[in-house]
């Protein structure tokens, strides 16, 4: 289970990333964040953002039109 869940459903780029970054900044290294998004570009955006931010994309899945990303702060 994630330490924090960020619900960005219904928001378009760049807002899911903006909200995720704000939430990630509140976490300690080793904690995780789950981000929920309906933005079709989310997979590409989050993959690139996590890589750039030097954190870890633990998992991602698409369920009923909702992308779920689990990010671990390093």
C-alpha atoms as a PDB file:
ATOM      1  CA  UNK A   1       0.000   0.000   0.000  1.00  0.00           C
ATOM      2  CA  UNK A   2       1.277   3.461  -0.945  1.00  0.00           C
ATOM      3  CA  UNK A   3       2.144   6.067   1.682  1.00  0.00           C
ATOM      4  CA  UNK A   4       0.158   8.668  -0.274  1.00  0.00           C
ATOM      5  CA  UNK A   5      -2.385   8.506  -3.122  1.00  0.00           C
ATOM      6  CA  UNK A   6      -2.641  11.352  -5.615  1.00  0.00           C
ATOM      7  CA  UNK A   7      -5.896  11.380  -7.583  1.00  0.00           C
ATOM      8  CA  UNK A   8      -5.453  13.319 -10.828  1.00  0.00           C
ATOM      9  CA  UNK A   9      -8.328  11.705 -12.717  1.00  0.00           C
ATOM     10  CA  UNK A  10      -9.899  14.158 -15.168  1.00  0.00           C
ATOM     11  CA  UNK A  11      -6.817  16.383 -15.304  1.00  0.00           C
ATOM     12  CA  UNK A  12      -4.760  16.864 -18.455  1.00  0.00           C
ATOM     13  CA  UNK A  13      -1.021  17.270 -18.828  1.00  0.00           C
ATOM     14  CA  UNK A  14       0.872  18.821 -17.134  1.00  0.00           C
ATOM     15  CA  UNK A  15      -1.333  18.805 -14.014  1.00  0.00           C
ATOM     16  CA  UNK A  16      -0.905  15.092 -13.101  1.00  0.00           C
ATOM     17  CA  UNK A  17       2.881  15.584 -13.050  1.00  0.00           C
ATOM     18  CA  UNK A  18       2.612  18.879 -11.142  1.00  0.00           C
ATOM     19  CA  UNK A  19       0.414  17.326  -8.443  1.00  0.00           C
ATOM     20  CA  UNK A  20       2.592  14.209  -8.274  1.00  0.00           C
ATOM     21  CA  UNK A  21       5.763  16.282  -7.835  1.00  0.00           C
ATOM     22  CA  UNK A  22       4.194  18.290  -4.994  1.00  0.00           C
ATOM     23  CA  UNK A  23       3.170  15.080  -3.227  1.00  0.00           C
ATOM     24  CA  UNK A  24       6.538  13.394  -3.841  1.00  0.00           C
ATOM     25  CA  UNK A  25       8.323  16.371  -2.278  1.00  0.00           C
ATOM     26  CA  UNK A  26       6.527  15.650   1.016  1.00  0.00           C
ATOM     27  CA  UNK A  27       7.764  12.032   1.163  1.00  0.00           C
ATOM     28  CA  UNK A  28      10.885  10.639   2.784  1.00  0.00           C
ATOM     29  CA  UNK A  29      13.269   8.402   0.795  1.00  0.00           C
ATOM     30  CA  UNK A  30      11.867   4.877   0.613  1.00  0.00           C
ATOM     31  CA  UNK A  31       8.223   5.973   0.825  1.00  0.00           C
ATOM     32  CA  UNK A  32       5.846   5.364  -2.080  1.00  0.00           C
ATOM     33  CA  UNK A  33       3.180   7.336  -3.895  1.00  0.00           C
ATOM     34  CA  UNK A  34       0.339   6.012  -6.035  1.00  0.00           C
ATOM     35  CA  UNK A  35      -0.870   8.322  -8.794  1.00  0.00           C
ATOM     36  CA  UNK A  36      -4.233   7.786 -10.487  1.00  0.00           C
ATOM     37  CA  UNK A  37      -4.734   9.389 -13.896  1.00  0.00           C
ATOM     38  CA  UNK A  38      -7.116   9.224 -16.842  1.00  0.00           C
ATOM     39  CA  UNK A  39      -4.829  11.238 -19.147  1.00  0.00           C
ATOM     40  CA  UNK A  40      -3.962   9.042 -22.137  1.00  0.00           C
ATOM     41  CA  UNK A  41      -0.444  10.511 -22.240  1.00  0.00           C
ATOM     42  CA  UNK A  42       0.209   9.551 -18.624  1.00  0.00           C
ATOM     43  CA  UNK A  43       2.254   6.435 -19.327  1.00  0.00           C
ATOM     44  CA  UNK A  44       4.795   8.318 -21.430  1.00  0.00           C
ATOM     45  CA  UNK A  45       4.760  11.383 -19.160  1.00  0.00           C
ATOM     46  CA  UNK A  46       5.253   9.495 -15.893  1.00  0.00           C
ATOM     47  CA  UNK A  47       7.886   7.166 -17.303  1.00  0.00           C
ATOM     48  CA  UNK A  48       9.935  10.146 -18.489  1.00  0.00           C
ATOM     49  CA  UNK A  49       9.347  12.227 -15.347  1.00  0.00           C
ATOM     50  CA  UNK A  50      10.314   9.458 -12.907  1.00  0.00           C
ATOM     51  CA  UNK A  51      13.468   8.724 -14.901  1.00  0.00           C
ATOM     52  CA  UNK A  52      14.393  12.421 -14.950  1.00  0.00           C
ATOM     53  CA  UNK A  53      13.663  12.865 -11.233  1.00  0.00           C
ATOM     54  CA  UNK A  54      15.870   9.852 -10.418  1.00  0.00           C
ATOM     55  CA  UNK A  55      13.128   8.059  -8.501  1.00  0.00           C
ATOM     56  CA  UNK A  56      11.769   4.576  -9.183  1.00  0.00           C
ATOM     57  CA  UNK A  57       8.637   3.652 -11.125  1.00  0.00           C
ATOM     58  CA  UNK A  58       7.806   0.481  -9.204  1.00  0.00           C
ATOM     59  CA  UNK A  59       4.765  -0.455 -11.290  1.00  0.00           C
ATOM     60  CA  UNK A  60       2.101   0.849 -13.615  1.00  0.00           C
ATOM     61  CA  UNK A  61      -1.165  -0.571 -14.837  1.00  0.00           C
ATOM     62  CA  UNK A  62      -4.287   0.422 -16.689  1.00  0.00           C
ATOM     63  CA  UNK A  63      -7.547  -0.596 -15.036  1.00  0.00           C
ATOM     64  CA  UNK A  64     -10.982   0.494 -16.312  1.00  0.00           C
ATOM     65  CA  UNK A  65      -9.498   3.528 -18.072  1.00  0.00           C
ATOM     66  CA  UNK A  66      -7.477   4.627 -15.031  1.00  0.00           C
ATOM     67  CA  UNK A  67      -3.695   4.549 -15.095  1.00  0.00           C
ATOM     68  CA  UNK A  68      -2.141   3.626 -11.747  1.00  0.00           C
ATOM     69  CA  UNK A  69       1.492   4.458 -11.119  1.00  0.00           C
ATOM     70  CA  UNK A  70       3.459   3.418  -8.038  1.00  0.00           C
ATOM     71  CA  UNK A  71       6.495   5.636  -7.525  1.00  0.00           C
ATOM     72  CA  UNK A  72       9.175   5.132  -4.873  1.00  0.00           C
ATOM     73  CA  UNK A  73      11.124   8.142  -3.679  1.00  0.00           C
ATOM     74  CA  UNK A  74      14.866   7.484  -3.700  1.00  0.00           C
END
